[in-house]
Structure formats: C-alpha cells, structure tokens
C-alpha cells in the first residue's frame, strides 16, 4: 500500500501520525536513510547463514 513512500512524524506533537513531515525535512530524511543503509550493511555483513535441516 505505502511501498516506497517515506514518512517522518513528530510524535510529540502528532501521536496519531497524521502530518507527514518528510517533504519539509529532506535533510533529516537523508540522514536517516544513510543511517538505515549503514545499519543494514552492518547487519548483513555480520549475519550467519540460516540454519537448515539436513
């Protein structure tokens, strides 16, 4: 439904997540995307192969 969409909310002011601030805060969005990519790379490089029966 929302695949590919980027969301950013101020949860202190908008607990219901009604006001998407991503378009107004591109620097924050970019920084968070870079951090997520770095974490994903770190997790992927340290992941063990899945256990299979066999």
PDB file of N, CA and C in Angstrom:
ATOM      1  N   UNK A   1       0.830  -1.199   0.000  1.00  0.00           N
ATOM      2  CA  UNK A   1       0.000   0.000   0.000  1.00  0.00           C
ATOM      3  C   UNK A   1       0.869   1.255   0.000  1.00  0.00           C
ATOM      4  N   UNK A   2       1.802   1.362   0.952  1.00  0.00           N
ATOM      5  CA  UNK A   2       2.662   2.546   1.057  1.00  0.00           C
ATOM      6  C   UNK A   2       4.100   2.246   0.652  1.00  0.00           C
ATOM      7  N   UNK A   3       4.309   1.202  -0.131  1.00  0.00           N
ATOM      8  CA  UNK A   3       5.665   0.813  -0.517  1.00  0.00           C
ATOM      9  C   UNK A   3       6.364   1.954  -1.239  1.00  0.00           C
ATOM     10  N   UNK A   4       7.580   2.228  -0.811  1.00  0.00           N
ATOM     11  CA  UNK A   4       8.361   3.275  -1.445  1.00  0.00           C
ATOM     12  C   UNK A   4       8.103   4.666  -0.916  1.00  0.00           C
ATOM     13  N   UNK A   5       7.058   4.836  -0.146  1.00  0.00           N
ATOM     14  CA  UNK A   5       6.774   6.151   0.432  1.00  0.00           C
ATOM     15  C   UNK A   5       7.628   6.371   1.660  1.00  0.00           C
ATOM     16  N   UNK A   6       8.008   7.609   1.879  1.00  0.00           N
ATOM     17  CA  UNK A   6       8.817   7.960   3.041  1.00  0.00           C
ATOM     18  C   UNK A   6       7.952   8.757   4.003  1.00  0.00           C
ATOM     19  N   UNK A   7       8.026   8.383   5.268  1.00  0.00           N
ATOM     20  CA  UNK A   7       7.240   9.053   6.294  1.00  0.00           C
ATOM     21  C   UNK A   7       8.154   9.575   7.392  1.00  0.00           C
ATOM     22  N   UNK A   8       7.840  10.745   7.903  1.00  0.00           N
ATOM     23  CA  UNK A   8       8.548  11.332   9.032  1.00  0.00           C
ATOM     24  C   UNK A   8       7.517  12.075   9.864  1.00  0.00           C
ATOM     25  N   UNK A   9       7.416  11.718  11.128  1.00  0.00           N
ATOM     26  CA  UNK A   9       6.417  12.321  12.005  1.00  0.00           C
ATOM     27  C   UNK A   9       7.066  12.889  13.259  1.00  0.00           C
ATOM     28  N   UNK A  10       6.488  13.928  13.793  1.00  0.00           N
ATOM     29  CA  UNK A  10       6.865  14.488  15.094  1.00  0.00           C
ATOM     30  C   UNK A  10       5.915  13.865  16.108  1.00  0.00           C
ATOM     31  N   UNK A  11       6.363  12.799  16.746  1.00  0.00           N
ATOM     32  CA  UNK A  11       5.475  12.040  17.621  1.00  0.00           C
ATOM     33  C   UNK A  11       5.095  12.782  18.894  1.00  0.00           C
ATOM     34  N   UNK A  12       5.862  13.773  19.288  1.00  0.00           N
ATOM     35  CA  UNK A  12       5.474  14.573  20.453  1.00  0.00           C
ATOM     36  C   UNK A  12       4.263  15.441  20.134  1.00  0.00           C
ATOM     37  N   UNK A  13       4.191  15.933  18.910  1.00  0.00           N
ATOM     38  CA  UNK A  13       3.102  16.826  18.505  1.00  0.00           C
ATOM     39  C   UNK A  13       2.003  16.114  17.719  1.00  0.00           C
ATOM     40  N   UNK A  14       2.303  14.953  17.158  1.00  0.00           N
ATOM     41  CA  UNK A  14       1.385  14.274  16.241  1.00  0.00           C
ATOM     42  C   UNK A  14       1.401  12.771  16.509  1.00  0.00           C
ATOM     43  N   UNK A  15       0.900  12.377  17.675  1.00  0.00           N
ATOM     44  CA  UNK A  15       0.924  10.962  18.057  1.00  0.00           C
ATOM     45  C   UNK A  15       0.111  10.088  17.107  1.00  0.00           C
ATOM     46  N   UNK A  16      -0.863  10.665  16.432  1.00  0.00           N
ATOM     47  CA  UNK A  16      -1.691   9.909  15.501  1.00  0.00           C
ATOM     48  C   UNK A  16      -1.076   9.766  14.120  1.00  0.00           C
ATOM     49  N   UNK A  17       0.121  10.313  13.940  1.00  0.00           N
ATOM     50  CA  UNK A  17       0.852  10.235  12.674  1.00  0.00           C
ATOM     51  C   UNK A  17      -0.016  10.666  11.496  1.00  0.00           C
ATOM     52  N   UNK A  18      -0.586  11.854  11.611  1.00  0.00           N
ATOM     53  CA  UNK A  18      -1.453  12.402  10.567  1.00  0.00           C
ATOM     54  C   UNK A  18      -0.730  13.373   9.642  1.00  0.00           C
ATOM     55  N   UNK A  19       0.374  13.979  10.104  1.00  0.00           N
ATOM     56  CA  UNK A  19       1.061  15.025   9.361  1.00  0.00           C
ATOM     57  C   UNK A  19       2.462  14.549   8.966  1.00  0.00           C
ATOM     58  N   UNK A  20       2.614  14.088   7.726  1.00  0.00           N
ATOM     59  CA  UNK A  20       3.899  13.595   7.234  1.00  0.00           C
ATOM     60  C   UNK A  20       4.816  14.782   6.966  1.00  0.00           C
ATOM     61  N   UNK A  21       5.927  14.847   7.675  1.00  0.00           N
ATOM     62  CA  UNK A  21       6.862  15.966   7.576  1.00  0.00           C
ATOM     63  C   UNK A  21       8.052  15.676   6.666  1.00  0.00           C
ATOM     64  N   UNK A  22       8.058  14.545   5.992  1.00  0.00           N
ATOM     65  CA  UNK A  22       9.210  14.153   5.176  1.00  0.00           C
ATOM     66  C   UNK A  22       9.517  15.182   4.095  1.00  0.00           C
ATOM     67  N   UNK A  23       8.512  15.711   3.444  1.00  0.00           N
ATOM     68  CA  UNK A  23       8.727  16.671   2.371  1.00  0.00           C
ATOM     69  C   UNK A  23       9.301  17.991   2.836  1.00  0.00           C
ATOM     70  N   UNK A  24       9.096  18.306   4.099  1.00  0.00           N
ATOM     71  CA  UNK A  24       9.564  19.574   4.662  1.00  0.00           C
ATOM     72  C   UNK A  24      10.911  19.437   5.364  1.00  0.00           C
ATOM     73  N   UNK A  25      11.410  18.213   5.488  1.00  0.00           N
ATOM     74  CA  UNK A  25      12.640  17.960   6.248  1.00  0.00           C
ATOM     75  C   UNK A  25      13.553  17.006   5.501  1.00  0.00           C
ATOM     76  N   UNK A  26      13.939  17.377   4.290  1.00  0.00           N
ATOM     77  CA  UNK A  26      14.727  16.479   3.446  1.00  0.00           C
ATOM     78  C   UNK A  26      16.091  16.140   4.052  1.00  0.00           C
ATOM     79  N   UNK A  27      16.686  17.065   4.801  1.00  0.00           N
ATOM     80  CA  UNK A  27      17.988  16.779   5.417  1.00  0.00           C
ATOM     81  C   UNK A  27      17.869  15.685   6.471  1.00  0.00           C
ATOM     82  N   UNK A  28      16.818  15.732   7.260  1.00  0.00           N
ATOM     83  CA  UNK A  28      16.600  14.697   8.279  1.00  0.00           C
ATOM     84  C   UNK A  28      16.333  13.361   7.601  1.00  0.00           C
ATOM     85  N   UNK A  29      15.491  13.372   6.577  1.00  0.00           N
ATOM     86  CA  UNK A  29      15.177  12.141   5.847  1.00  0.00           C
ATOM     87  C   UNK A  29      16.447  11.540   5.258  1.00  0.00           C
ATOM     88  N   UNK A  30      17.276  12.354   4.635  1.00  0.00           N
ATOM     89  CA  UNK A  30      18.512  11.865   4.026  1.00  0.00           C
ATOM     90  C   UNK A  30      19.453  11.276   5.077  1.00  0.00           C
ATOM     91  N   UNK A  31      19.583  11.941   6.211  1.00  0.00           N
ATOM     92  CA  UNK A  31      20.449  11.438   7.282  1.00  0.00           C
ATOM     93  C   UNK A  31      19.935  10.103   7.817  1.00  0.00           C
ATOM     94  N   UNK A  32      18.628   9.987   7.986  1.00  0.00           N
ATOM     95  CA  UNK A  32      18.052   8.736   8.477  1.00  0.00           C
ATOM     96  C   UNK A  32      18.213   7.615   7.454  1.00  0.00           C
ATOM     97  N   UNK A  33      18.060   7.932   6.172  1.00  0.00           N
ATOM     98  CA  UNK A  33      18.242   6.914   5.136  1.00  0.00           C
ATOM     99  C   UNK A  33      19.682   6.420   5.105  1.00  0.00           C
ATOM    100  N   UNK A  34      20.638   7.323   5.253  1.00  0.00           N
ATOM    101  CA  UNK A  34      22.049   6.923   5.285  1.00  0.00           C
ATOM    102  C   UNK A  34      22.326   6.034   6.490  1.00  0.00           C
ATOM    103  N   UNK A  35      21.762   6.398   7.637  1.00  0.00           N
ATOM    104  CA  UNK A  35      21.960   5.600   8.853  1.00  0.00           C
ATOM    105  C   UNK A  35      21.340   4.215   8.700  1.00  0.00           C
ATOM    106  N   UNK A  36      20.147   4.157   8.116  1.00  0.00           N
ATOM    107  CA  UNK A  36      19.493   2.865   7.900  1.00  0.00           C
ATOM    108  C   UNK A  36      20.298   1.992   6.945  1.00  0.00           C
ATOM    109  N   UNK A  37      20.857   2.585   5.889  1.00  0.00           N
ATOM    110  CA  UNK A  37      21.672   1.829   4.936  1.00  0.00           C
ATOM    111  C   UNK A  37      22.928   1.290   5.614  1.00  0.00           C
ATOM    112  N   UNK A  38      23.551   2.098   6.461  1.00  0.00           N
ATOM    113  CA  UNK A  38      24.747   1.659   7.183  1.00  0.00           C
ATOM    114  C   UNK A  38      24.417   0.516   8.138  1.00  0.00           C
ATOM    115  N   UNK A  39      23.303   0.629   8.847  1.00  0.00           N
ATOM    116  CA  UNK A  39      22.896  -0.440   9.762  1.00  0.00           C
ATOM    117  C   UNK A  39      22.567  -1.716   8.999  1.00  0.00           C
ATOM    118  N   UNK A  40      21.886  -1.582   7.868  1.00  0.00           N
ATOM    119  CA  UNK A  40      21.549  -2.746   7.054  1.00  0.00           C
ATOM    120  C   UNK A  40      22.815  -3.445   6.567  1.00  0.00           C
ATOM    121  N   UNK A  41      23.799  -2.667   6.135  1.00  0.00           N
ATOM    122  CA  UNK A  41      25.069  -3.232   5.669  1.00  0.00           C
ATOM    123  C   UNK A  41      25.786  -3.954   6.809  1.00  0.00           C
ATOM    124  N   UNK A  42      25.785  -3.338   7.992  1.00  0.00           N
ATOM    125  CA  UNK A  42      26.435  -3.942   9.157  1.00  0.00           C
ATOM    126  C   UNK A  42      25.752  -5.242   9.548  1.00  0.00           C
ATOM    127  N   UNK A  43      24.443  -5.230   9.576  1.00  0.00           N
ATOM    128  CA  UNK A  43      23.695  -6.435   9.943  1.00  0.00           C
ATOM    129  C   UNK A  43      23.932  -7.535   8.919  1.00  0.00           C
ATOM    130  N   UNK A  44      23.878  -7.176   7.638  1.00  0.00           N
ATOM    131  CA  UNK A  44      24.069  -8.165   6.572  1.00  0.00           C
ATOM    132  C   UNK A  44      25.465  -8.773   6.607  1.00  0.00           C
ATOM    133  N   UNK A  45      26.476  -7.963   6.881  1.00  0.00           N
ATOM    134  CA  UNK A  45      27.846  -8.476   6.880  1.00  0.00           C
ATOM    135  C   UNK A  45      28.133  -9.347   8.093  1.00  0.00           C
ATOM    136  N   UNK A  46      27.392  -9.172   9.164  1.00  0.00           N
ATOM    137  CA  UNK A  46      27.607  -9.961  10.380  1.00  0.00           C
ATOM    138  C   UNK A  46      26.617 -11.113  10.526  1.00  0.00           C
ATOM    139  N   UNK A  47      25.739 -11.266   9.561  1.00  0.00           N
ATOM    140  CA  UNK A  47      24.710 -12.299   9.669  1.00  0.00           C
ATOM    141  C   UNK A  47      25.299 -13.681   9.418  1.00  0.00           C
ATOM    142  N   UNK A  48      24.797 -14.636  10.155  1.00  0.00           N
ATOM    143  CA  UNK A  48      25.182 -16.027   9.929  1.00  0.00           C
ATOM    144  C   UNK A  48      24.249 -16.631   8.888  1.00  0.00           C
ATOM    145  N   UNK A  49      24.747 -17.637   8.223  1.00  0.00           N
ATOM    146  CA  UNK A  49      23.904 -18.345   7.259  1.00  0.00           C
ATOM    147  C   UNK A  49      22.734 -18.978   8.002  1.00  0.00           C
ATOM    148  N   UNK A  50      21.575 -19.016   7.384  1.00  0.00           N
ATOM    149  CA  UNK A  50      20.419 -19.616   8.064  1.00  0.00           C
ATOM    150  C   UNK A  50      20.633 -21.109   8.296  1.00  0.00           C
ATOM    151  N   UNK A  51      20.100 -21.580   9.413  1.00  0.00           N
ATOM    152  CA  UNK A  51      20.208 -22.990   9.742  1.00  0.00           C
ATOM    153  C   UNK A  51      19.218 -23.762   8.890  1.00  0.00           C
ATOM    154  N   UNK A  52      19.680 -24.840   8.313  1.00  0.00           N
ATOM    155  CA  UNK A  52      18.781 -25.714   7.559  1.00  0.00           C
ATOM    156  C   UNK A  52      18.937 -27.126   8.061  1.00  0.00           C
ATOM    157  N   UNK A  53      17.868 -27.845   8.025  1.00  0.00           N
ATOM    158  CA  UNK A  53      17.889 -29.232   8.452  1.00  0.00           C
ATOM    159  C   UNK A  53      18.521 -30.083   7.384  1.00  0.00           C
ATOM    160  N   UNK A  54      19.319 -30.982   7.826  1.00  0.00           N
ATOM    161  CA  UNK A  54      19.780 -31.728   6.797  1.00  0.00           C
ATOM    162  C   UNK A  54      20.613 -32.766   6.565  1.00  0.00           C
TER     163      UNK A  54
END
